[in-house]
């Protein structure tokens, strides 16, 4: 998953030639200018939304797109937005917590699974 001109795009379906002149942000672009973890990355770390790492870049990029569109999404909106990203390790609860935290919301309000 990458962000192309502000929209999430599955990178495996995008032809590089079609992106000529577009603004493309990859997972590397999510860090702070000094190289430290960005807000979303830090929330994923703090709330154990990271597991094997296979799905993590897509989850982080999708979260960035979601929060740009909806800065304070509900748990249901988060789950719906991320449903195209498959994770076999976490069961999604910690990922949802990380997204809530990255949006500045109280993760304690989430129902336990």
PDB file of N, CA and C in Angstrom:
ATOM      1  N   UNK A   1       0.844  -1.172   0.000  1.00  0.00           N
ATOM      2  CA  UNK A   1       0.000   0.000   0.000  1.00  0.00           C
ATOM      3  C   UNK A   1       0.893   1.240   0.000  1.00  0.00           C
ATOM      4  N   UNK A   2       0.561   2.158  -0.865  1.00  0.00           N
ATOM      5  CA  UNK A   2       1.232   3.451  -0.926  1.00  0.00           C
ATOM      6  C   UNK A   2       0.141   4.519  -1.028  1.00  0.00           C
ATOM      7  N   UNK A   3       0.525   5.758  -0.782  1.00  0.00           N
ATOM      8  CA  UNK A   3      -0.393   6.869  -0.934  1.00  0.00           C
ATOM      9  C   UNK A   3       0.007   7.607  -2.214  1.00  0.00           C
ATOM     10  N   UNK A   4      -0.917   7.703  -3.166  1.00  0.00           N
ATOM     11  CA  UNK A   4      -0.665   8.376  -4.438  1.00  0.00           C
ATOM     12  C   UNK A   4      -1.594   9.591  -4.511  1.00  0.00           C
ATOM     13  N   UNK A   5      -0.969  10.755  -4.537  1.00  0.00           N
ATOM     14  CA  UNK A   5      -1.737  11.998  -4.578  1.00  0.00           C
ATOM     15  C   UNK A   5      -2.852  12.006  -3.530  1.00  0.00           C
ATOM     16  N   UNK A   6      -2.503  11.524  -2.329  1.00  0.00           N
ATOM     17  CA  UNK A   6      -3.433  11.557  -1.207  1.00  0.00           C
ATOM     18  C   UNK A   6      -4.384  10.383  -1.106  1.00  0.00           C
ATOM     19  N   UNK A   7      -4.328   9.444  -2.040  1.00  0.00           N
ATOM     20  CA  UNK A   7      -5.247   8.303  -2.042  1.00  0.00           C
ATOM     21  C   UNK A   7      -4.490   6.991  -1.843  1.00  0.00           C
ATOM     22  N   UNK A   8      -5.036   6.066  -1.031  1.00  0.00           N
ATOM     23  CA  UNK A   8      -4.377   4.766  -0.865  1.00  0.00           C
ATOM     24  C   UNK A   8      -4.490   3.940  -2.142  1.00  0.00           C
ATOM     25  N   UNK A   9      -3.383   3.323  -2.533  1.00  0.00           N
ATOM     26  CA  UNK A   9      -3.333   2.512  -3.744  1.00  0.00           C
ATOM     27  C   UNK A   9      -2.529   1.255  -3.439  1.00  0.00           C
ATOM     28  N   UNK A  10      -3.035   0.109  -3.875  1.00  0.00           N
ATOM     29  CA  UNK A  10      -2.265  -1.125  -3.736  1.00  0.00           C
ATOM     30  C   UNK A  10      -1.107  -1.046  -4.722  1.00  0.00           C
ATOM     31  N   UNK A  11       0.083  -1.006  -4.199  1.00  0.00           N
ATOM     32  CA  UNK A  11       1.256  -0.791  -5.056  1.00  0.00           C
ATOM     33  C   UNK A  11       1.446  -1.909  -6.077  1.00  0.00           C
ATOM     34  N   UNK A  12       0.988  -3.098  -5.763  1.00  0.00           N
ATOM     35  CA  UNK A  12       1.172  -4.211  -6.701  1.00  0.00           C
ATOM     36  C   UNK A  12       0.282  -4.080  -7.936  1.00  0.00           C
ATOM     37  N   UNK A  13      -0.687  -3.179  -7.885  1.00  0.00           N
ATOM     38  CA  UNK A  13      -1.576  -3.004  -9.035  1.00  0.00           C
ATOM     39  C   UNK A  13      -1.310  -1.703  -9.794  1.00  0.00           C
ATOM     40  N   UNK A  14      -0.317  -0.955  -9.339  1.00  0.00           N
ATOM     41  CA  UNK A  14      -0.007   0.336  -9.973  1.00  0.00           C
ATOM     42  C   UNK A  14       1.220   0.196 -10.871  1.00  0.00           C
ATOM     43  N   UNK A  15       1.093   0.667 -12.086  1.00  0.00           N
ATOM     44  CA  UNK A  15       2.230   0.675 -12.997  1.00  0.00           C
ATOM     45  C   UNK A  15       3.055   1.930 -12.737  1.00  0.00           C
ATOM     46  N   UNK A  16       4.348   1.781 -12.602  1.00  0.00           N
ATOM     47  CA  UNK A  16       5.229   2.913 -12.311  1.00  0.00           C
ATOM     48  C   UNK A  16       5.075   4.020 -13.350  1.00  0.00           C
ATOM     49  N   UNK A  17       4.944   3.662 -14.598  1.00  0.00           N
ATOM     50  CA  UNK A  17       4.821   4.669 -15.659  1.00  0.00           C
ATOM     51  C   UNK A  17       3.560   5.514 -15.484  1.00  0.00           C
ATOM     52  N   UNK A  18       2.504   4.919 -14.931  1.00  0.00           N
ATOM     53  CA  UNK A  18       1.263   5.654 -14.697  1.00  0.00           C
ATOM     54  C   UNK A  18       1.389   6.658 -13.553  1.00  0.00           C
ATOM     55  N   UNK A  19       2.413   6.499 -12.742  1.00  0.00           N
ATOM     56  CA  UNK A  19       2.592   7.370 -11.580  1.00  0.00           C
ATOM     57  C   UNK A  19       3.566   8.508 -11.849  1.00  0.00           C
ATOM     58  N   UNK A  20       4.031   8.607 -13.078  1.00  0.00           N
ATOM     59  CA  UNK A  20       4.961   9.683 -13.443  1.00  0.00           C
ATOM     60  C   UNK A  20       4.319  11.031 -13.115  1.00  0.00           C
ATOM     61  N   UNK A  21       4.989  11.819 -12.296  1.00  0.00           N
ATOM     62  CA  UNK A  21       4.498  13.130 -11.912  1.00  0.00           C
ATOM     63  C   UNK A  21       3.588  13.123 -10.691  1.00  0.00           C
ATOM     64  N   UNK A  22       3.214  11.946 -10.217  1.00  0.00           N
ATOM     65  CA  UNK A  22       2.346  11.850  -9.042  1.00  0.00           C
ATOM     66  C   UNK A  22       3.179  11.954  -7.767  1.00  0.00           C
ATOM     67  N   UNK A  23       2.543  12.366  -6.688  1.00  0.00           N
ATOM     68  CA  UNK A  23       3.195  12.361  -5.374  1.00  0.00           C
ATOM     69  C   UNK A  23       2.935  10.999  -4.744  1.00  0.00           C
ATOM     70  N   UNK A  24       3.984  10.223  -4.520  1.00  0.00           N
ATOM     71  CA  UNK A  24       3.866   8.876  -3.977  1.00  0.00           C
ATOM     72  C   UNK A  24       4.566   8.830  -2.618  1.00  0.00           C
ATOM     73  N   UNK A  25       3.826   8.394  -1.611  1.00  0.00           N
ATOM     74  CA  UNK A  25       4.403   8.228  -0.274  1.00  0.00           C
ATOM     75  C   UNK A  25       4.410   6.752   0.067  1.00  0.00           C
ATOM     76  N   UNK A  26       5.579   6.248   0.450  1.00  0.00           N
ATOM     77  CA  UNK A  26       5.733   4.860   0.869  1.00  0.00           C
ATOM     78  C   UNK A  26       5.889   4.817   2.380  1.00  0.00           C
ATOM     79  N   UNK A  27       6.019   3.639   2.926  1.00  0.00           N
ATOM     80  CA  UNK A  27       6.168   3.477   4.380  1.00  0.00           C
ATOM     81  C   UNK A  27       7.367   4.279   4.898  1.00  0.00           C
ATOM     82  N   UNK A  28       8.413   4.393   4.095  1.00  0.00           N
ATOM     83  CA  UNK A  28       9.587   5.161   4.520  1.00  0.00           C
ATOM     84  C   UNK A  28       9.247   6.639   4.708  1.00  0.00           C
ATOM     85  N   UNK A  29       8.271   7.127   3.997  1.00  0.00           N
ATOM     86  CA  UNK A  29       7.861   8.518   4.105  1.00  0.00           C
ATOM     87  C   UNK A  29       7.011   8.816   5.333  1.00  0.00           C
ATOM     88  N   UNK A  30       6.730   7.809   6.126  1.00  0.00           N
ATOM     89  CA  UNK A  30       5.903   8.001   7.316  1.00  0.00           C
ATOM     90  C   UNK A  30       6.724   8.413   8.541  1.00  0.00           C
ATOM     91  N   UNK A  31       8.033   8.278   8.458  1.00  0.00           N
ATOM     92  CA  UNK A  31       8.901   8.660   9.575  1.00  0.00           C
ATOM     93  C   UNK A  31       9.009  10.176   9.664  1.00  0.00           C
ATOM     94  N   UNK A  32       9.413  10.650  10.814  1.00  0.00           N
ATOM     95  CA  UNK A  32       9.681  12.078  10.999  1.00  0.00           C
ATOM     96  C   UNK A  32      10.930  12.460  10.202  1.00  0.00           C
ATOM     97  N   UNK A  33      11.107  13.746   9.903  1.00  0.00           N
ATOM     98  CA  UNK A  33      12.287  14.179   9.131  1.00  0.00           C
ATOM     99  C   UNK A  33      13.625  13.746   9.745  1.00  0.00           C
ATOM    100  N   UNK A  34      13.662  13.613  11.078  1.00  0.00           N
ATOM    101  CA  UNK A  34      14.913  13.196  11.726  1.00  0.00           C
ATOM    102  C   UNK A  34      15.104  11.682  11.733  1.00  0.00           C
ATOM    103  N   UNK A  35      14.166  10.950  11.126  1.00  0.00           N
ATOM    104  CA  UNK A  35      14.276   9.499  11.053  1.00  0.00           C
ATOM    105  C   UNK A  35      13.562   8.763  12.172  1.00  0.00           C
ATOM    106  N   UNK A  36      13.096   9.486  13.173  1.00  0.00           N
ATOM    107  CA  UNK A  36      12.370   8.834  14.270  1.00  0.00           C
ATOM    108  C   UNK A  36      10.983   8.426  13.784  1.00  0.00           C
ATOM    109  N   UNK A  37      10.352   7.545  14.534  1.00  0.00           N
ATOM    110  CA  UNK A  37       9.034   7.056  14.152  1.00  0.00           C
ATOM    111  C   UNK A  37       8.010   8.179  14.112  1.00  0.00           C
ATOM    112  N   UNK A  38       7.173   8.160  13.083  1.00  0.00           N
ATOM    113  CA  UNK A  38       6.069   9.105  12.989  1.00  0.00           C
ATOM    114  C   UNK A  38       4.968   8.714  13.968  1.00  0.00           C
ATOM    115  N   UNK A  39       3.962   9.532  14.089  1.00  0.00           N
ATOM    116  CA  UNK A  39       2.871   9.317  15.048  1.00  0.00           C
ATOM    117  C   UNK A  39       2.199   7.962  14.871  1.00  0.00           C
ATOM    118  N   UNK A  40       1.876   7.615  13.643  1.00  0.00           N
ATOM    119  CA  UNK A  40       1.190   6.341  13.395  1.00  0.00           C
ATOM    120  C   UNK A  40       2.119   5.169  13.700  1.00  0.00           C
ATOM    121  N   UNK A  41       3.354   5.245  13.237  1.00  0.00           N
ATOM    122  CA  UNK A  41       4.316   4.179  13.503  1.00  0.00           C
ATOM    123  C   UNK A  41       4.508   3.992  15.013  1.00  0.00           C
ATOM    124  N   UNK A  42       4.630   5.093  15.739  1.00  0.00           N
ATOM    125  CA  UNK A  42       4.828   5.036  17.191  1.00  0.00           C
ATOM    126  C   UNK A  42       3.606   4.416  17.871  1.00  0.00           C
ATOM    127  N   UNK A  43       2.410   4.772  17.421  1.00  0.00           N
ATOM    128  CA  UNK A  43       1.190   4.191  17.989  1.00  0.00           C
ATOM    129  C   UNK A  43       1.150   2.683  17.754  1.00  0.00           C
ATOM    130  N   UNK A  44       1.550   2.231  16.567  1.00  0.00           N
ATOM    131  CA  UNK A  44       1.598   0.797  16.293  1.00  0.00           C
ATOM    132  C   UNK A  44       2.603   0.111  17.224  1.00  0.00           C
ATOM    133  N   UNK A  45       3.739   0.744  17.466  1.00  0.00           N
ATOM    134  CA  UNK A  45       4.730   0.179  18.374  1.00  0.00           C
ATOM    135  C   UNK A  45       4.193   0.148  19.806  1.00  0.00           C
ATOM    136  N   UNK A  46       3.656   1.263  20.253  1.00  0.00           N
ATOM    137  CA  UNK A  46       3.188   1.368  21.641  1.00  0.00           C
ATOM    138  C   UNK A  46       2.019   0.453  21.962  1.00  0.00           C
ATOM    139  N   UNK A  47       1.197   0.150  20.983  1.00  0.00           N
ATOM    140  CA  UNK A  47      -0.014  -0.646  21.221  1.00  0.00           C
ATOM    141  C   UNK A  47       0.076  -2.044  20.626  1.00  0.00           C
ATOM    142  N   UNK A  48       1.282  -2.482  20.345  1.00  0.00           N
ATOM    143  CA  UNK A  48       1.558  -3.846  19.887  1.00  0.00           C
ATOM    144  C   UNK A  48       0.767  -4.215  18.631  1.00  0.00           C
ATOM    145  N   UNK A  49       0.661  -3.246  17.711  1.00  0.00           N
ATOM    146  CA  UNK A  49       0.000  -3.505  16.440  1.00  0.00           C
ATOM    147  C   UNK A  49       0.928  -4.135  15.425  1.00  0.00           C
ATOM    148  N   UNK A  50       2.161  -4.398  15.823  1.00  0.00           N
ATOM    149  CA  UNK A  50       3.162  -4.999  14.935  1.00  0.00           C
ATOM    150  C   UNK A  50       3.346  -6.457  15.314  1.00  0.00           C
ATOM    151  N   UNK A  51       3.416  -7.303  14.357  1.00  0.00           N
ATOM    152  CA  UNK A  51       3.705  -8.707  14.633  1.00  0.00           C
ATOM    153  C   UNK A  51       4.814  -9.158  13.699  1.00  0.00           C
ATOM    154  N   UNK A  52       4.494  -9.960  12.694  1.00  0.00           N
ATOM    155  CA  UNK A  52       5.536 -10.480  11.814  1.00  0.00           C
ATOM    156  C   UNK A  52       6.097  -9.408  10.884  1.00  0.00           C
ATOM    157  N   UNK A  53       5.335  -8.365  10.632  1.00  0.00           N
ATOM    158  CA  UNK A  53       5.801  -7.278   9.785  1.00  0.00           C
ATOM    159  C   UNK A  53       5.346  -7.351   8.347  1.00  0.00           C
ATOM    160  N   UNK A  54       4.734  -8.446   7.935  1.00  0.00           N
ATOM    161  CA  UNK A  54       4.293  -8.570   6.546  1.00  0.00           C
ATOM    162  C   UNK A  54       3.200  -7.555   6.219  1.00  0.00           C
ATOM    163  N   UNK A  55       2.206  -7.426   7.093  1.00  0.00           N
ATOM    164  CA  UNK A  55       1.078  -6.541   6.810  1.00  0.00           C
ATOM    165  C   UNK A  55       1.307  -5.122   7.315  1.00  0.00           C
ATOM    166  N   UNK A  56       2.296  -4.924   8.180  1.00  0.00           N
ATOM    167  CA  UNK A  56       2.465  -3.642   8.865  1.00  0.00           C
ATOM    168  C   UNK A  56       2.550  -2.438   7.930  1.00  0.00           C
ATOM    169  N   UNK A  57       3.366  -2.450   6.892  1.00  0.00           N
ATOM    170  CA  UNK A  57       3.403  -1.264   6.018  1.00  0.00           C
ATOM    171  C   UNK A  57       2.037  -0.911   5.436  1.00  0.00           C
ATOM    172  N   UNK A  58       1.291  -1.908   5.002  1.00  0.00           N
ATOM    173  CA  UNK A  58      -0.037  -1.654   4.461  1.00  0.00           C
ATOM    174  C   UNK A  58      -0.983  -1.108   5.506  1.00  0.00           C
ATOM    175  N   UNK A  59      -0.899  -1.626   6.712  1.00  0.00           N
ATOM    176  CA  UNK A  59      -1.754  -1.139   7.801  1.00  0.00           C
ATOM    177  C   UNK A  59      -1.417   0.314   8.137  1.00  0.00           C
ATOM    178  N   UNK A  60      -0.138   0.627   8.218  1.00  0.00           N
ATOM    179  CA  UNK A  60       0.289   1.998   8.535  1.00  0.00           C
ATOM    180  C   UNK A  60      -0.144   2.957   7.426  1.00  0.00           C
ATOM    181  N   UNK A  61       0.062   2.568   6.180  1.00  0.00           N
ATOM    182  CA  UNK A  61      -0.305   3.437   5.063  1.00  0.00           C
ATOM    183  C   UNK A  61      -1.822   3.614   4.973  1.00  0.00           C
ATOM    184  N   UNK A  62      -2.561   2.542   5.199  1.00  0.00           N
ATOM    185  CA  UNK A  62      -4.020   2.645   5.197  1.00  0.00           C
ATOM    186  C   UNK A  62      -4.502   3.527   6.342  1.00  0.00           C
ATOM    187  N   UNK A  63      -3.844   3.409   7.480  1.00  0.00           N
ATOM    188  CA  UNK A  63      -4.193   4.256   8.622  1.00  0.00           C
ATOM    189  C   UNK A  63      -3.953   5.726   8.287  1.00  0.00           C
ATOM    190  N   UNK A  64      -2.847   6.020   7.636  1.00  0.00           N
ATOM    191  CA  UNK A  64      -2.557   7.405   7.249  1.00  0.00           C
ATOM    192  C   UNK A  64      -3.648   7.940   6.332  1.00  0.00           C
ATOM    193  N   UNK A  65      -4.076   7.129   5.370  1.00  0.00           N
ATOM    194  CA  UNK A  65      -5.133   7.557   4.447  1.00  0.00           C
ATOM    195  C   UNK A  65      -6.450   7.744   5.193  1.00  0.00           C
ATOM    196  N   UNK A  66      -6.768   6.830   6.085  1.00  0.00           N
ATOM    197  CA  UNK A  66      -8.005   6.941   6.861  1.00  0.00           C
ATOM    198  C   UNK A  66      -8.012   8.209   7.703  1.00  0.00           C
ATOM    199  N   UNK A  67      -6.916   8.461   8.422  1.00  0.00           N
ATOM    200  CA  UNK A  67      -6.878   9.620   9.313  1.00  0.00           C
ATOM    201  C   UNK A  67      -6.856  10.936   8.540  1.00  0.00           C
ATOM    202  N   UNK A  68      -6.342  10.923   7.328  1.00  0.00           N
ATOM    203  CA  UNK A  68      -6.398  12.123   6.488  1.00  0.00           C
ATOM    204  C   UNK A  68      -7.840  12.408   6.074  1.00  0.00           C
ATOM    205  N   UNK A  69      -8.591  11.354   5.874  1.00  0.00           N
ATOM    206  CA  UNK A  69      -9.990  11.453   5.455  1.00  0.00           C
ATOM    207  C   UNK A  69     -10.921  11.672   6.651  1.00  0.00           C
ATOM    208  N   UNK A  70     -10.618  11.007   7.764  1.00  0.00           N
ATOM    209  CA  UNK A  70     -11.470  11.030   8.952  1.00  0.00           C
ATOM    210  C   UNK A  70     -10.562  11.029  10.186  1.00  0.00           C
ATOM    211  N   UNK A  71     -10.242  12.187  10.741  1.00  0.00           N
ATOM    212  CA  UNK A  71      -9.270  12.274  11.830  1.00  0.00           C
ATOM    213  C   UNK A  71      -9.666  11.576  13.136  1.00  0.00           C
ATOM    214  N   UNK A  72     -10.950  11.294  13.339  1.00  0.00           N
ATOM    215  CA  UNK A  72     -11.387  10.641  14.575  1.00  0.00           C
ATOM    216  C   UNK A  72     -12.392   9.523  14.259  1.00  0.00           C
ATOM    217  N   UNK A  73     -11.921   8.465  13.600  1.00  0.00           N
ATOM    218  CA  UNK A  73     -12.833   7.397  13.205  1.00  0.00           C
ATOM    219  C   UNK A  73     -13.282   6.555  14.394  1.00  0.00           C
ATOM    220  N   UNK A  74     -14.465   5.978  14.253  1.00  0.00           N
ATOM    221  CA  UNK A  74     -14.966   5.045  15.267  1.00  0.00           C
ATOM    222  C   UNK A  74     -14.274   3.701  15.078  1.00  0.00           C
ATOM    223  N   UNK A  75     -14.441   2.821  16.048  1.00  0.00           N
ATOM    224  CA  UNK A  75     -13.875   1.479  15.935  1.00  0.00           C
ATOM    225  C   UNK A  75     -14.437   0.779  14.694  1.00  0.00           C
ATOM    226  N   UNK A  76     -15.721   0.909  14.467  1.00  0.00           N
ATOM    227  CA  UNK A  76     -16.353   0.285  13.303  1.00  0.00           C
ATOM    228  C   UNK A  76     -15.784   0.837  11.997  1.00  0.00           C
ATOM    229  N   UNK A  77     -15.583   2.150  11.939  1.00  0.00           N
ATOM    230  CA  UNK A  77     -15.012   2.762  10.730  1.00  0.00           C
ATOM    231  C   UNK A  77     -13.588   2.284  10.494  1.00  0.00           C
ATOM    232  N   UNK A  78     -12.814   2.147  11.556  1.00  0.00           N
ATOM    233  CA  UNK A  78     -11.437   1.646  11.430  1.00  0.00           C
ATOM    234  C   UNK A  78     -11.443   0.230  10.876  1.00  0.00           C
ATOM    235  N   UNK A  79     -12.236  -0.625  11.477  1.00  0.00           N
ATOM    236  CA  UNK A  79     -12.289  -2.021  11.030  1.00  0.00           C
ATOM    237  C   UNK A  79     -12.725  -2.113   9.563  1.00  0.00           C
ATOM    238  N   UNK A  80     -13.702  -1.320   9.185  1.00  0.00           N
ATOM    239  CA  UNK A  80     -14.168  -1.331   7.801  1.00  0.00           C
ATOM    240  C   UNK A  80     -13.063  -0.849   6.851  1.00  0.00           C
ATOM    241  N   UNK A  81     -12.380   0.212   7.214  1.00  0.00           N
ATOM    242  CA  UNK A  81     -11.353   0.789   6.346  1.00  0.00           C
ATOM    243  C   UNK A  81     -10.172  -0.156   6.158  1.00  0.00           C
ATOM    244  N   UNK A  82      -9.845  -0.917   7.193  1.00  0.00           N
ATOM    245  CA  UNK A  82      -8.673  -1.793   7.133  1.00  0.00           C
ATOM    246  C   UNK A  82      -8.988  -3.200   6.638  1.00  0.00           C
ATOM    247  N   UNK A  83     -10.237  -3.476   6.314  1.00  0.00           N
ATOM    248  CA  UNK A  83     -10.596  -4.854   5.990  1.00  0.00           C
ATOM    249  C   UNK A  83      -9.907  -5.401   4.740  1.00  0.00           C
ATOM    250  N   UNK A  84      -9.369  -4.560   3.893  1.00  0.00           N
ATOM    251  CA  UNK A  84      -8.651  -5.036   2.714  1.00  0.00           C
ATOM    252  C   UNK A  84      -7.227  -5.474   3.004  1.00  0.00           C
ATOM    253  N   UNK A  85      -6.740  -5.205   4.214  1.00  0.00           N
ATOM    254  CA  UNK A  85      -5.388  -5.610   4.621  1.00  0.00           C
ATOM    255  C   UNK A  85      -5.494  -6.860   5.480  1.00  0.00           C
ATOM    256  N   UNK A  86      -4.839  -7.897   5.052  1.00  0.00           N
ATOM    257  CA  UNK A  86      -4.930  -9.173   5.756  1.00  0.00           C
ATOM    258  C   UNK A  86      -3.773  -9.308   6.750  1.00  0.00           C
ATOM    259  N   UNK A  87      -4.124  -9.619   8.004  1.00  0.00           N
ATOM    260  CA  UNK A  87      -3.130  -9.888   9.042  1.00  0.00           C
ATOM    261  C   UNK A  87      -3.503 -11.201   9.701  1.00  0.00           C
ATOM    262  N   UNK A  88      -2.571 -12.131   9.747  1.00  0.00           N
ATOM    263  CA  UNK A  88      -2.851 -13.427  10.360  1.00  0.00           C
ATOM    264  C   UNK A  88      -2.278 -13.534  11.766  1.00  0.00           C
ATOM    265  N   UNK A  89      -1.623 -12.488  12.260  1.00  0.00           N
ATOM    266  CA  UNK A  89      -0.943 -12.586  13.551  1.00  0.00           C
ATOM    267  C   UNK A  89      -1.688 -11.944  14.721  1.00  0.00           C
ATOM    268  N   UNK A  90      -2.307 -10.793  14.515  1.00  0.00           N
ATOM    269  CA  UNK A  90      -2.776 -10.008  15.658  1.00  0.00           C
ATOM    270  C   UNK A  90      -4.243 -10.143  16.003  1.00  0.00           C
ATOM    271  N   UNK A  91      -5.060 -10.583  15.086  1.00  0.00           N
ATOM    272  CA  UNK A  91      -6.484 -10.578  15.341  1.00  0.00           C
ATOM    273  C   UNK A  91      -7.069  -9.176  15.286  1.00  0.00           C
ATOM    274  N   UNK A  92      -6.299  -8.213  14.852  1.00  0.00           N
ATOM    275  CA  UNK A  92      -6.709  -6.836  14.572  1.00  0.00           C
ATOM    276  C   UNK A  92      -6.960  -5.955  15.797  1.00  0.00           C
ATOM    277  N   UNK A  93      -7.212  -6.500  16.968  1.00  0.00           N
ATOM    278  CA  UNK A  93      -7.561  -5.656  18.115  1.00  0.00           C
ATOM    279  C   UNK A  93      -6.455  -4.645  18.432  1.00  0.00           C
ATOM    280  N   UNK A  94      -5.216  -5.091  18.456  1.00  0.00           N
ATOM    281  CA  UNK A  94      -4.126  -4.159  18.757  1.00  0.00           C
ATOM    282  C   UNK A  94      -3.897  -3.164  17.625  1.00  0.00           C
ATOM    283  N   UNK A  95      -4.187  -3.571  16.409  1.00  0.00           N
ATOM    284  CA  UNK A  95      -4.082  -2.648  15.279  1.00  0.00           C
ATOM    285  C   UNK A  95      -5.148  -1.563  15.422  1.00  0.00           C
ATOM    286  N   UNK A  96      -6.357  -1.950  15.768  1.00  0.00           N
ATOM    287  CA  UNK A  96      -7.433  -0.973  15.983  1.00  0.00           C
ATOM    288  C   UNK A  96      -7.057  -0.032  17.123  1.00  0.00           C
ATOM    289  N   UNK A  97      -6.499  -0.573  18.195  1.00  0.00           N
ATOM    290  CA  UNK A  97      -6.045   0.268  19.311  1.00  0.00           C
ATOM    291  C   UNK A  97      -4.990   1.275  18.838  1.00  0.00           C
ATOM    292  N   UNK A  98      -4.082   0.822  18.011  1.00  0.00           N
ATOM    293  CA  UNK A  98      -3.025   1.703  17.501  1.00  0.00           C
ATOM    294  C   UNK A  98      -3.616   2.831  16.658  1.00  0.00           C
ATOM    295  N   UNK A  99      -4.592   2.511  15.825  1.00  0.00           N
ATOM    296  CA  UNK A  99      -5.226   3.539  14.994  1.00  0.00           C
ATOM    297  C   UNK A  99      -5.959   4.541  15.882  1.00  0.00           C
ATOM    298  N   UNK A 100      -6.666   4.038  16.880  1.00  0.00           N
ATOM    299  CA  UNK A 100      -7.370   4.934  17.811  1.00  0.00           C
ATOM    300  C   UNK A 100      -6.372   5.858  18.508  1.00  0.00           C
ATOM    301  N   UNK A 101      -5.263   5.295  18.966  1.00  0.00           N
ATOM    302  CA  UNK A 101      -4.243   6.094  19.643  1.00  0.00           C
ATOM    303  C   UNK A 101      -3.641   7.134  18.696  1.00  0.00           C
ATOM    304  N   UNK A 102      -3.363   6.735  17.467  1.00  0.00           N
ATOM    305  CA  UNK A 102      -2.783   7.667  16.492  1.00  0.00           C
ATOM    306  C   UNK A 102      -3.734   8.821  16.198  1.00  0.00           C
ATOM    307  N   UNK A 103      -5.036   8.591  16.368  1.00  0.00           N
ATOM    308  CA  UNK A 103      -6.023   9.645  16.128  1.00  0.00           C
ATOM    309  C   UNK A 103      -6.287  10.472  17.383  1.00  0.00           C
ATOM    310  N   UNK A 104      -5.568  10.152  18.477  1.00  0.00           N
ATOM    311  CA  UNK A 104      -5.710  10.921  19.703  1.00  0.00           C
ATOM    312  C   UNK A 104      -6.893  10.505  20.556  1.00  0.00           C
ATOM    313  N   UNK A 105      -7.467   9.350  20.260  1.00  0.00           N
ATOM    314  CA  UNK A 105      -8.625   8.877  21.014  1.00  0.00           C
ATOM    315  C   UNK A 105      -8.209   7.929  22.129  1.00  0.00           C
ATOM    316  N   UNK A 106      -9.103   7.748  23.085  1.00  0.00           N
ATOM    317  CA  UNK A 106      -8.866   6.892  24.245  1.00  0.00           C
ATOM    318  C   UNK A 106      -9.038   5.426  23.853  1.00  0.00           C
ATOM    319  N   UNK A 107      -7.955   4.670  23.906  1.00  0.00           N
ATOM    320  CA  UNK A 107      -8.032   3.255  23.544  1.00  0.00           C
ATOM    321  C   UNK A 107      -8.692   2.434  24.636  1.00  0.00           C
ATOM    322  N   UNK A 108      -8.792   2.984  25.834  1.00  0.00           N
ATOM    323  CA  UNK A 108      -9.458   2.286  26.938  1.00  0.00           C
ATOM    324  C   UNK A 108     -10.951   2.123  26.688  1.00  0.00           C
ATOM    325  N   UNK A 109     -11.494   2.923  25.778  1.00  0.00           N
ATOM    326  CA  UNK A 109     -12.922   2.853  25.487  1.00  0.00           C
ATOM    327  C   UNK A 109     -13.275   1.690  24.562  1.00  0.00           C
ATOM    328  N   UNK A 110     -12.270   1.027  23.997  1.00  0.00           N
ATOM    329  CA  UNK A 110     -12.527  -0.106  23.104  1.00  0.00           C
ATOM    330  C   UNK A 110     -12.951  -1.325  23.886  1.00  0.00           C
ATOM    331  N   UNK A 111     -13.873  -2.061  23.330  1.00  0.00           N
ATOM    332  CA  UNK A 111     -14.304  -3.304  23.957  1.00  0.00           C
ATOM    333  C   UNK A 111     -13.180  -4.331  23.864  1.00  0.00           C
ATOM    334  N   UNK A 112     -13.022  -5.112  24.917  1.00  0.00           N
ATOM    335  CA  UNK A 112     -12.004  -6.183  24.902  1.00  0.00           C
ATOM    336  C   UNK A 112     -12.529  -7.347  24.077  1.00  0.00           C
ATOM    337  N   UNK A 113     -11.639  -7.976  23.343  1.00  0.00           N
ATOM    338  CA  UNK A 113     -12.030  -9.154  22.554  1.00  0.00           C
ATOM    339  C   UNK A 113     -11.602 -10.399  23.263  1.00  0.00           C
TER     340      UNK A 113
END
